[in-house]
Amino acid sequence: MKKRVTCGFLLLFLALSLSFEPRVQAAYPAAMSAAHPLMGYPLSRARKTIVYTDAARKKKLTTLTYREFSILKYDKTKQSLYVTCKEGTKIIKGWVKRNTFFFTQDFKAVQSFANQNLTLYQAKSTSMYYQSIPLYTGGSTVGESGSWYQMTFYLNGRYYLGWIPKTDYGKIRLSMDTTEQLLADGTYTIRARERNRFSLTADTAKGTALLRKTTGKENQLYTLKHVENNQYTISPYGTELYLGLKDGKLAAVSDKTLWTFTRYGRYFALREVKSQKGIAFVSGKGIFERRYARTSSLQNWVFTKTTVKNEERKNTVFSQYDPKWGGNTYCDGNPVRTISSSGCGVVSFVNAIYALNGEYIDPTVLARYSNSHGHYFYMQGTADTLYADFARTNGVFYHFKWDGKIYDTASLKKHLKNGGTAVALVPGHYIAIAGYRESDNSFLVLDSAIYNKRPTTINGDWVSEATLRTGTLYCSYFHLFSRVK
């Protein structure tokens, strides 16, 4: 009999509409622009707002009474906001103090998404209605005062800054501000598709980069860092140099060079952003720049994530509530089941593989696969048959394999210490387990659905073995995954 799980606490969604806003940048307060302004009211209704002509606020332009402003720009150095507003038929433009609008100056913004329809208020009063916020609207929690949270939400092309009472905060789900990076930040070895036993090796003294036949222990390491919009820097590990193009060849250079990645099956093609040229291996000659061509196997590269001892670990926890995919249909029906309402089995799988080898599996792709291959049971949840099946058909592309299903933590510890990860079934939910720490006998849990029922956070949590054997994190079994080249 197939094992199934229902993310039971999400039954709240049954009566809710499935309107979906895919834009999720959180204006806190630098993401807004003239095209996408942040709308809001000053904190004080009694005190007039002083508008200045300059960001340094040296020259006063005017004073205005309480009204809605459009915030277009943030000068972090001067702690000033560039705003516009209407005064009669006249448009006022100028600078104001940041604390005119933001209550908590040192508050660390947290990505936040509406789990139910809710109301955003202009000020800390339920009589000061501002905007109705639909299900799955994305934004940030940016401050708190007494019994209220200050928040931003993105709606119809604009951000809105306002307040919700803490009694309504149960309608909010928290998530990391994640991007759909094809590869996670970290340390990798790089090989060419056409020379599988050859490792990319940079001579930092000569500034050259070539392929060299190596054993696994001799492979040179590279630090991969995402900058923005799927653009990365690639640096020989431990150096301040970058892989770049010089005189038509791949080289180790001092100038910061950005690359974009495109996945083709199990391989990646690289394109240098500035020149829009790719790189290709030419037998007997080296690695040269080439017109970017996705069809050429000579331009395909394998990135293998590796662990460096004592390297600081950065956890990424993808959330099933993320509006980038949360409102997408998992299974049709009445009501429709979405990734947010039923996707814990899918997103925990995404978290486990991303933690394993840095490779991103789109939750929408995985959800479609699960549903079309009979792994989702309407109003019941995802069957654990998904993991072995997807690994068998797609593991080669994402460089992982399924190592079976176990029930004991002793075997789990051994697997995690060898660099593997796992997906575990807890009451009504799936979680990912991405590490084991022998010093205090604890496990690293990545939870795709953060709320008060489980002792987990959006950053990942080290929990004791006893915790995995009791209560809401009691693990019935574990599906194991390891990486392959």
Protein backbone atom coordinates (compact mmCIF):
# COMPACT_ATOMS: atom_id res chain seq x y z
CA MET A 1 0.00 0.00 0.00
CA LYS A 2 1.30 3.44 -0.92
CA LYS A 3 2.26 5.74 1.90
CA ARG A 4 0.53 9.12 1.79
CA VAL A 5 0.66 12.29 3.81
CA THR A 6 -1.71 15.20 4.12
CA CYS A 7 -0.43 18.63 5.13
CA GLY A 8 -3.48 18.76 7.34
CA PHE A 9 -3.05 22.16 8.88
CA LEU A 10 -3.47 23.66 5.40
CA LEU A 11 -7.20 22.87 5.22
CA LEU A 12 -7.65 26.58 5.81
CA PHE A 13 -7.16 26.98 2.08
CA LEU A 14 -10.25 25.04 1.06
CA ALA A 15 -12.58 28.00 0.99
CA LEU A 16 -10.09 30.54 -0.35
CA SER A 17 -9.75 31.87 -3.87
CA LEU A 18 -6.56 31.11 -5.78
CA SER A 19 -5.66 34.53 -7.13
CA PHE A 20 -1.88 34.64 -7.58
CA GLU A 21 0.58 37.51 -7.77
CA PRO A 22 3.98 36.23 -8.91
CA ARG A 23 6.08 39.30 -8.09
CA VAL A 24 7.58 38.95 -4.63
CA GLN A 25 10.31 41.54 -4.18
CA ALA A 26 10.04 43.02 -0.73
CA ALA A 27 10.39 46.80 -0.56
CA TYR A 28 12.51 47.27 2.53
CA PRO A 29 13.00 49.94 1.45
CA ALA A 30 15.32 49.70 -1.56
CA ALA A 31 13.40 47.46 -3.99
CA MET A 32 10.89 50.10 -5.06
CA SER A 33 11.35 52.32 -8.12
CA ALA A 34 9.47 54.91 -10.14
CA ALA A 35 7.84 52.03 -12.04
CA HIS A 36 7.00 50.16 -8.83
CA PRO A 37 6.69 52.73 -6.02
CA LEU A 38 6.12 52.00 -2.36
CA MET A 39 2.87 53.64 -1.26
CA GLY A 40 2.42 54.60 2.37
CA TYR A 41 1.42 57.10 5.02
CA PRO A 42 3.75 58.80 7.54
CA LEU A 43 3.92 57.29 11.00
CA SER A 44 2.52 60.42 12.65
CA ARG A 45 -0.91 61.79 11.80
CA ALA A 46 -0.42 64.81 14.05
CA ARG A 47 3.06 65.93 12.99
CA LYS A 48 3.63 67.55 9.60
CA THR A 49 6.04 65.91 7.16
CA ILE A 50 9.11 67.98 6.28
CA VAL A 51 10.21 67.57 2.66
CA TYR A 52 13.76 68.57 1.63
CA THR A 53 15.30 69.34 -1.75
CA ASP A 54 18.34 67.09 -1.15
CA ALA A 55 19.09 63.65 0.31
CA ALA A 56 21.31 65.21 2.98
CA ARG A 57 18.22 67.18 4.10
CA LYS A 58 20.05 70.50 4.25
CA LYS A 59 17.46 72.61 2.44
CA LYS A 60 13.79 72.54 3.38
CA LEU A 61 11.32 72.45 0.48
CA THR A 62 7.94 72.39 2.23
CA THR A 63 5.87 70.83 5.01
CA LEU A 64 2.85 68.67 4.32
CA THR A 65 -0.07 67.38 6.32
CA TYR A 66 -0.89 63.68 6.69
CA ARG A 67 -1.45 62.01 3.31
CA GLU A 68 -0.37 59.14 1.05
CA PHE A 69 3.13 59.34 -0.41
CA SER A 70 4.87 57.45 -3.21
CA ILE A 71 8.38 56.40 -2.14
CA LEU A 72 10.61 55.97 -5.19
CA LYS A 73 14.18 55.76 -3.93
CA TYR A 74 16.24 55.07 -0.80
CA ASP A 75 19.59 56.68 -0.02
CA LYS A 76 21.06 54.34 2.57
CA THR A 77 24.04 56.60 3.34
CA LYS A 78 21.86 59.60 4.12
CA GLN A 79 19.00 57.49 5.53
CA SER A 80 16.64 59.42 3.27
CA LEU A 81 13.69 58.49 1.07
CA TYR A 82 12.84 60.22 -2.21
CA VAL A 83 9.08 60.76 -2.33
CA THR A 84 6.32 62.31 -4.40
CA CYS A 85 2.76 63.27 -3.44
CA LYS A 86 -0.09 65.50 -4.51
CA GLU A 87 -0.95 68.82 -2.95
CA GLY A 88 -4.10 69.86 -4.76
CA THR A 89 -3.16 69.70 -8.43
CA LYS A 90 0.55 70.18 -7.72
CA ILE A 91 3.05 67.27 -7.55
CA ILE A 92 5.57 67.64 -4.72
CA LYS A 93 8.93 65.86 -5.12
CA GLY A 94 11.70 65.73 -2.53
CA TRP A 95 13.46 63.89 0.30
CA VAL A 96 12.28 62.91 3.78
CA LYS A 97 13.83 61.13 6.75
CA ARG A 98 13.60 57.36 6.61
CA ASN A 99 11.96 57.26 10.05
CA THR A 100 9.10 59.34 8.70
CA PHE A 101 7.69 56.05 7.40
CA PHE A 102 9.61 53.13 8.92
CA PHE A 103 9.06 52.59 12.63
CA THR A 104 11.89 50.17 13.47
CA GLN A 105 15.22 51.35 12.09
CA ASP A 106 17.29 48.23 12.85
CA PHE A 107 14.61 45.61 12.18
CA LYS A 108 15.78 42.74 9.96
CA ALA A 109 13.16 42.36 7.24
CA VAL A 110 11.63 38.91 6.83
CA GLN A 111 10.01 37.63 3.64
CA SER A 112 6.31 37.21 4.42
CA PHE A 113 3.39 35.93 2.38
CA ALA A 114 -0.35 36.14 2.97
CA ASN A 115 -1.65 32.71 3.84
CA GLN A 116 -5.22 34.06 3.98
CA ASN A 117 -6.95 37.21 2.83
CA LEU A 118 -6.17 40.04 5.27
CA THR A 119 -6.43 43.80 5.73
CA LEU A 120 -3.53 46.25 5.72
CA TYR A 121 -4.09 49.44 7.73
CA GLN A 122 -2.64 52.92 7.19
CA ALA A 123 -1.76 53.25 10.86
CA LYS A 124 -2.03 51.24 14.07
CA SER A 125 -5.81 51.41 14.14
CA THR A 126 -8.43 49.11 12.65
CA SER A 127 -10.40 52.22 11.69
CA MET A 128 -7.60 53.22 9.28
CA TYR A 129 -8.28 50.80 6.39
CA TYR A 130 -5.70 50.90 3.59
CA GLN A 131 -5.68 47.81 1.32
CA SER A 132 -7.20 44.35 1.07
CA ILE A 133 -4.37 41.83 0.69
CA PRO A 134 -5.31 38.64 -1.22
CA LEU A 135 -4.05 35.13 -0.57
CA TYR A 136 -0.41 34.52 -1.68
CA THR A 137 0.50 38.22 -1.90
CA GLY A 138 4.21 38.59 -1.17
CA GLY A 139 6.04 41.18 0.88
CA SER A 140 8.05 41.71 4.06
CA THR A 141 7.61 42.17 7.78
CA VAL A 142 9.69 45.30 8.39
CA GLY A 143 8.99 46.37 11.98
CA GLU A 144 6.85 46.04 15.07
CA SER A 145 5.30 48.33 17.64
CA GLY A 146 3.25 47.12 20.57
CA SER A 147 0.49 44.85 19.29
CA TRP A 148 1.18 45.65 15.61
CA TYR A 149 3.55 44.57 12.82
CA GLN A 150 4.58 46.97 10.06
CA MET A 151 4.60 45.25 6.66
CA THR A 152 4.97 45.79 2.94
CA PHE A 153 2.99 43.93 0.26
CA TYR A 154 3.18 44.02 -3.53
CA LEU A 155 -0.16 44.49 -5.25
CA ASN A 156 -1.13 45.58 -8.78
CA GLY A 157 2.27 46.96 -9.69
CA ARG A 158 2.88 48.82 -6.42
CA TYR A 159 4.17 48.09 -2.96
CA TYR A 160 2.06 49.14 0.03
CA LEU A 161 3.45 49.97 3.46
CA GLY A 162 1.09 49.57 6.40
CA TRP A 163 0.21 47.73 9.58
CA ILE A 164 -1.54 44.54 10.63
CA PRO A 165 -2.48 43.62 14.22
CA LYS A 166 -0.45 40.81 15.74
CA THR A 167 -3.69 38.88 16.20
CA ASP A 168 -3.78 38.59 12.37
CA TYR A 169 -0.18 37.45 12.06
CA GLY A 170 -1.37 33.85 12.01
CA LYS A 171 -2.49 34.63 8.45
CA ILE A 172 1.16 35.19 7.50
CA ARG A 173 3.67 32.53 6.52
CA LEU A 174 7.40 33.26 6.59
CA SER A 175 9.99 32.25 4.03
CA MET A 176 13.53 32.95 2.98
CA ASP A 177 13.98 35.45 0.17
CA THR A 178 15.00 32.76 -2.31
CA THR A 179 15.74 32.89 -6.01
CA GLU A 180 15.49 30.08 -8.51
CA GLN A 181 19.26 29.71 -8.71
CA LEU A 182 20.26 26.85 -10.97
CA LEU A 183 23.22 26.29 -8.65
CA ALA A 184 23.57 27.25 -5.00
CA ASP A 185 26.41 29.39 -3.72
CA GLY A 186 29.27 27.17 -2.61
CA THR A 187 32.40 25.29 -3.62
CA TYR A 188 32.51 23.18 -6.80
CA THR A 189 34.79 21.24 -9.09
CA ILE A 190 34.31 21.83 -12.83
CA ARG A 191 34.71 19.26 -15.61
CA ALA A 192 34.09 19.36 -19.35
CA ARG A 193 31.48 17.04 -20.86
CA GLU A 194 33.92 15.99 -23.60
CA ARG A 195 36.73 15.25 -21.14
CA ASN A 196 34.98 13.71 -18.17
CA ARG A 197 38.21 12.71 -16.41
CA PHE A 198 39.76 16.14 -16.85
CA SER A 199 39.29 18.90 -14.27
CA LEU A 200 39.32 22.62 -14.98
CA THR A 201 42.54 23.93 -13.46
CA ALA A 202 43.51 27.59 -13.13
CA ASP A 203 47.13 28.64 -12.81
CA THR A 204 46.67 31.79 -10.75
CA ALA A 205 50.33 32.81 -11.15
CA LYS A 206 50.22 32.69 -14.96
CA GLY A 207 46.55 33.68 -15.18
CA THR A 208 45.69 30.68 -17.37
CA ALA A 209 42.86 28.12 -17.18
CA LEU A 210 43.02 24.68 -18.79
CA LEU A 211 41.85 21.10 -18.45
CA ARG A 212 44.13 18.68 -16.64
CA LYS A 213 43.69 14.95 -16.07
CA THR A 214 43.33 14.47 -12.34
CA THR A 215 42.14 12.10 -9.69
CA GLY A 216 39.30 13.23 -7.46
CA LYS A 217 41.57 14.52 -4.67
CA GLU A 218 43.54 16.69 -7.10
CA ASN A 219 40.54 18.49 -8.59
CA GLN A 220 40.81 22.25 -8.20
CA LEU A 221 37.99 23.94 -6.29
CA TYR A 222 36.05 27.02 -7.35
CA THR A 223 33.85 29.34 -5.33
CA LEU A 224 30.53 30.02 -7.04
CA LYS A 225 28.61 33.10 -5.91
CA HIS A 226 25.25 34.28 -7.21
CA VAL A 227 25.09 38.05 -7.75
CA GLU A 228 21.65 38.58 -9.32
CA ASN A 229 19.33 37.33 -12.07
CA ASN A 230 21.09 33.97 -12.41
CA GLN A 231 24.45 35.71 -12.86
CA TYR A 232 27.45 34.32 -10.99
CA THR A 233 31.10 34.91 -10.29
CA ILE A 234 33.49 31.92 -10.39
CA SER A 235 36.73 32.22 -8.42
CA PRO A 236 39.57 29.75 -7.88
CA TYR A 237 39.04 28.77 -4.25
CA GLY A 238 40.91 30.90 -1.73
CA THR A 239 41.91 33.59 -4.25
CA GLU A 240 40.65 37.04 -5.19
CA LEU A 241 40.76 36.18 -8.90
CA TYR A 242 37.87 35.31 -11.21
CA LEU A 243 37.38 33.11 -14.24
CA GLY A 244 37.02 35.43 -17.22
CA LEU A 245 37.91 35.87 -20.87
CA LYS A 246 41.27 37.24 -22.00
CA ASP A 247 42.62 37.30 -25.55
CA GLY A 248 39.89 34.91 -26.64
CA LYS A 249 40.65 32.30 -23.98
CA LEU A 250 39.34 31.35 -20.55
CA ALA A 251 41.69 32.84 -17.95
CA ALA A 252 42.11 33.73 -14.28
CA VAL A 253 41.66 37.51 -14.17
CA SER A 254 41.48 40.24 -11.55
CA ASP A 255 38.37 41.90 -12.98
CA LYS A 256 35.08 40.71 -11.54
CA THR A 257 33.44 38.69 -14.35
CA LEU A 258 29.80 37.63 -14.42
CA TRP A 259 28.51 34.45 -16.04
CA THR A 260 25.00 33.19 -16.77
CA PHE A 261 24.21 29.49 -16.62
CA THR A 262 21.80 27.48 -18.77
CA ARG A 263 20.97 23.87 -17.95
CA TYR A 264 20.89 21.28 -20.74
CA GLY A 265 20.11 17.92 -19.17
CA ARG A 266 22.83 17.13 -16.67
CA TYR A 267 25.17 19.80 -18.08
CA PHE A 268 25.50 23.59 -17.92
CA ALA A 269 26.46 26.04 -20.64
CA LEU A 270 28.17 29.27 -19.53
CA ARG A 271 27.91 32.69 -21.13
CA GLU A 272 30.03 35.68 -20.13
CA VAL A 273 27.60 38.52 -19.49
CA LYS A 274 29.59 41.44 -20.92
CA SER A 275 30.64 39.86 -24.21
CA GLN A 276 27.74 37.39 -24.47
CA LYS A 277 30.31 34.77 -25.50
CA GLY A 278 30.32 31.20 -24.30
CA ILE A 279 33.33 28.97 -23.64
CA ALA A 280 34.14 25.72 -25.42
CA PHE A 281 36.80 23.05 -25.05
CA VAL A 282 38.84 22.49 -28.21
CA SER A 283 40.76 19.20 -28.15
CA GLY A 284 44.50 19.71 -28.07
CA LYS A 285 44.22 23.49 -27.82
CA GLY A 286 42.38 24.53 -24.68
CA ILE A 287 39.30 26.49 -23.67
CA PHE A 288 38.33 29.32 -26.00
CA GLU A 289 35.51 31.81 -26.25
CA ARG A 290 32.84 30.84 -28.76
CA ARG A 291 29.62 32.29 -30.07
CA TYR A 292 27.07 31.06 -27.56
CA ALA A 293 25.46 27.90 -28.97
CA ARG A 294 23.28 25.71 -26.80
CA THR A 295 23.58 22.72 -29.10
CA SER A 296 27.34 22.27 -28.87
CA SER A 297 28.45 19.53 -26.47
CA LEU A 298 31.85 21.25 -26.42
CA GLN A 299 30.23 24.04 -24.40
CA ASN A 300 28.74 21.74 -21.76
CA TRP A 301 30.22 21.62 -18.25
CA VAL A 302 29.62 19.55 -15.12
CA PHE A 303 29.63 21.31 -11.73
CA THR A 304 30.04 19.06 -8.69
CA LYS A 305 29.41 20.60 -5.28
CA THR A 306 31.91 19.71 -2.60
CA THR A 307 32.31 20.38 1.11
CA VAL A 308 35.32 22.25 2.43
CA LYS A 309 36.26 21.54 6.04
CA ASN A 310 35.39 24.35 8.48
CA GLU A 311 33.62 26.28 5.71
CA GLU A 312 30.65 28.24 7.03
CA ARG A 313 27.43 26.52 6.09
CA LYS A 314 24.64 28.63 4.60
CA ASN A 315 21.24 27.03 4.53
CA THR A 316 18.59 27.75 1.92
CA VAL A 317 15.04 26.75 2.79
CA PHE A 318 12.54 26.93 -0.06
CA SER A 319 8.99 27.53 1.15
CA GLN A 320 5.84 25.96 -0.26
CA TYR A 321 4.13 29.32 0.44
CA ASP A 322 6.46 31.28 -1.85
CA PRO A 323 4.26 33.13 -4.38
CA LYS A 324 6.76 32.31 -7.12
CA TRP A 325 5.12 28.87 -7.15
CA GLY A 326 2.79 28.60 -4.14
CA GLY A 327 -0.39 29.37 -6.09
CA ASN A 328 0.42 26.95 -8.90
CA THR A 329 -1.94 24.02 -9.28
CA TYR A 330 -0.71 20.72 -7.90
CA CYS A 331 -3.94 18.85 -8.63
CA ASP A 332 -7.25 19.96 -10.17
CA GLY A 333 -10.43 19.47 -8.18
CA ASN A 334 -12.96 21.37 -6.15
CA PRO A 335 -11.15 22.97 -4.48
CA VAL A 336 -7.94 23.04 -6.50
CA ARG A 337 -4.94 21.77 -4.56
CA THR A 338 -1.90 24.02 -4.86
CA ILE A 339 1.77 23.73 -3.95
CA SER A 340 1.07 25.95 -0.93
CA SER A 341 -1.78 23.80 0.30
CA SER A 342 -0.38 20.35 -0.51
CA GLY A 343 3.22 20.67 -1.65
CA CYS A 344 5.26 19.73 1.41
CA GLY A 345 6.26 16.42 -0.17
CA VAL A 346 7.46 18.23 -3.26
CA VAL A 347 9.25 21.23 -1.68
CA SER A 348 10.97 19.12 0.99
CA PHE A 349 12.41 17.13 -1.94
CA VAL A 350 13.63 20.39 -3.53
CA ASN A 351 15.27 21.36 -0.22
CA ALA A 352 16.95 17.97 0.18
CA ILE A 353 18.53 17.98 -3.29
CA TYR A 354 19.56 21.65 -3.12
CA ALA A 355 21.30 20.99 0.21
CA LEU A 356 22.86 17.83 -1.24
CA ASN A 357 24.49 19.14 -4.41
CA GLY A 358 23.37 22.74 -4.94
CA GLU A 359 21.10 21.91 -7.88
CA TYR A 360 17.68 23.54 -8.07
CA ILE A 361 14.61 21.54 -9.11
CA ASP A 362 11.69 23.81 -9.96
CA PRO A 363 8.84 22.93 -7.55
CA THR A 364 6.28 23.42 -10.34
CA VAL A 365 8.09 20.88 -12.54
CA LEU A 366 8.28 18.42 -9.66
CA ALA A 367 4.59 18.93 -8.79
CA ARG A 368 3.52 18.25 -12.38
CA TYR A 369 5.65 15.11 -12.43
CA SER A 370 4.22 13.90 -9.13
CA ASN A 371 0.62 14.41 -10.21
CA SER A 372 1.01 12.98 -13.74
CA HIS A 373 2.83 9.88 -12.48
CA GLY A 374 0.26 8.96 -9.84
CA HIS A 375 2.14 10.11 -6.74
CA TYR A 376 -0.48 12.60 -5.55
CA PHE A 377 -3.79 11.53 -4.01
CA TYR A 378 -6.44 14.21 -3.98
CA MET A 379 -7.14 15.64 -0.50
CA GLN A 380 -4.69 13.12 0.98
CA GLY A 381 -1.26 14.23 -0.12
CA THR A 382 1.95 13.13 -1.80
CA ALA A 383 2.87 9.45 -1.80
CA ASP A 384 6.46 8.69 -0.85
CA THR A 385 6.77 6.64 -4.06
CA LEU A 386 7.65 9.97 -5.71
CA TYR A 387 11.23 9.94 -4.43
CA ALA A 388 12.45 6.65 -5.91
CA ASP A 389 10.55 7.22 -9.16
CA PHE A 390 11.85 10.75 -9.83
CA ALA A 391 15.39 9.69 -8.90
CA ARG A 392 15.20 6.81 -11.37
CA THR A 393 14.02 8.96 -14.27
CA ASN A 394 15.66 12.33 -13.52
CA GLY A 395 18.41 11.74 -10.97
CA VAL A 396 21.07 11.61 -13.69
CA PHE A 397 20.16 15.15 -14.77
CA TYR A 398 20.34 16.57 -11.25
CA HIS A 399 23.32 14.42 -10.19
CA PHE A 400 21.72 12.51 -7.31
CA LYS A 401 20.40 9.04 -6.54
CA TRP A 402 17.89 7.51 -4.15
CA ASP A 403 19.54 5.26 -1.57
CA GLY A 404 16.42 3.67 -0.14
CA LYS A 405 14.00 4.08 2.72
CA ILE A 406 15.04 3.49 6.34
CA TYR A 407 13.44 3.72 9.77
CA ASP A 408 16.35 4.09 12.21
CA THR A 409 18.39 7.15 13.13
CA ALA A 410 21.63 5.16 13.42
CA SER A 411 21.61 4.52 9.67
CA LEU A 412 20.50 8.10 9.07
CA LYS A 413 23.51 9.47 10.99
CA LYS A 414 25.92 7.37 8.93
CA HIS A 415 24.29 8.55 5.70
CA LEU A 416 24.40 12.23 6.68
CA LYS A 417 28.02 12.02 7.84
CA ASN A 418 28.89 10.69 4.38
CA GLY A 419 27.42 13.82 2.79
CA GLY A 420 23.91 12.61 2.01
CA THR A 421 20.53 14.19 2.76
CA ALA A 422 17.05 12.85 3.50
CA VAL A 423 13.33 13.54 3.38
CA ALA A 424 11.42 12.44 6.48
CA LEU A 425 7.74 11.94 7.23
CA VAL A 426 6.53 13.72 10.37
CA PRO A 427 2.87 13.95 11.48
CA GLY A 428 0.92 15.31 8.51
CA HIS A 429 4.02 16.70 6.80
CA TYR A 430 7.37 16.08 5.11
CA ILE A 431 10.65 17.76 6.07
CA ALA A 432 14.19 17.66 4.70
CA ILE A 433 17.15 16.66 6.87
CA ALA A 434 20.44 18.04 5.56
CA GLY A 435 23.14 17.35 8.15
CA TYR A 436 24.24 15.67 11.37
CA ARG A 437 26.37 17.25 14.10
CA GLU A 438 28.08 14.67 16.27
CA SER A 439 29.19 17.15 18.96
CA ASP A 440 25.64 17.52 20.29
CA ASN A 441 23.88 14.66 18.48
CA SER A 442 21.67 17.03 16.46
CA PHE A 443 20.18 17.06 12.97
CA LEU A 444 19.73 19.95 10.55
CA VAL A 445 16.02 20.23 9.66
CA LEU A 446 14.79 22.28 6.66
CA ASP A 447 11.03 22.88 6.94
CA SER A 448 9.10 24.12 3.90
CA ALA A 449 6.09 25.22 5.97
CA ILE A 450 6.84 27.44 8.96
CA TYR A 451 4.14 27.97 11.54
CA ASN A 452 3.74 27.60 15.27
CA LYS A 453 3.01 23.87 15.37
CA ARG A 454 6.62 22.76 14.84
CA PRO A 455 9.81 24.13 16.49
CA THR A 456 11.30 25.24 13.16
CA THR A 457 12.31 28.53 11.52
CA ILE A 458 12.91 29.82 8.00
CA ASN A 459 16.69 29.53 8.45
CA GLY A 460 16.88 25.79 9.12
CA ASP A 461 17.25 24.34 12.62
CA TRP A 462 19.58 21.99 14.46
CA VAL A 463 17.34 19.75 16.56
CA SER A 464 18.17 16.91 18.93
CA GLU A 465 17.67 13.24 18.17
CA ALA A 466 15.08 13.15 20.95
CA THR A 467 13.09 15.86 19.15
CA LEU A 468 12.98 13.72 15.99
CA ARG A 469 11.46 10.95 18.06
CA THR A 470 8.67 12.89 19.77
CA GLY A 471 5.79 15.25 19.05
CA THR A 472 5.33 17.18 15.82
CA LEU A 473 8.82 16.28 14.52
CA TYR A 474 8.50 12.55 15.15
CA CYS A 475 10.00 10.90 12.06
CA SER A 476 8.28 7.71 10.86
CA TYR A 477 10.85 7.00 8.15
CA PHE A 478 13.59 8.55 6.02
CA HIS A 479 14.20 8.56 2.26
CA LEU A 480 17.94 8.87 1.56
CA PHE A 481 19.70 10.71 -1.25
CA SER A 482 23.36 10.95 -2.25
CA ARG A 483 25.13 12.80 -5.04
CA VAL A 484 26.55 11.32 -8.20
CA LYS A 485 28.91 12.78 -10.81
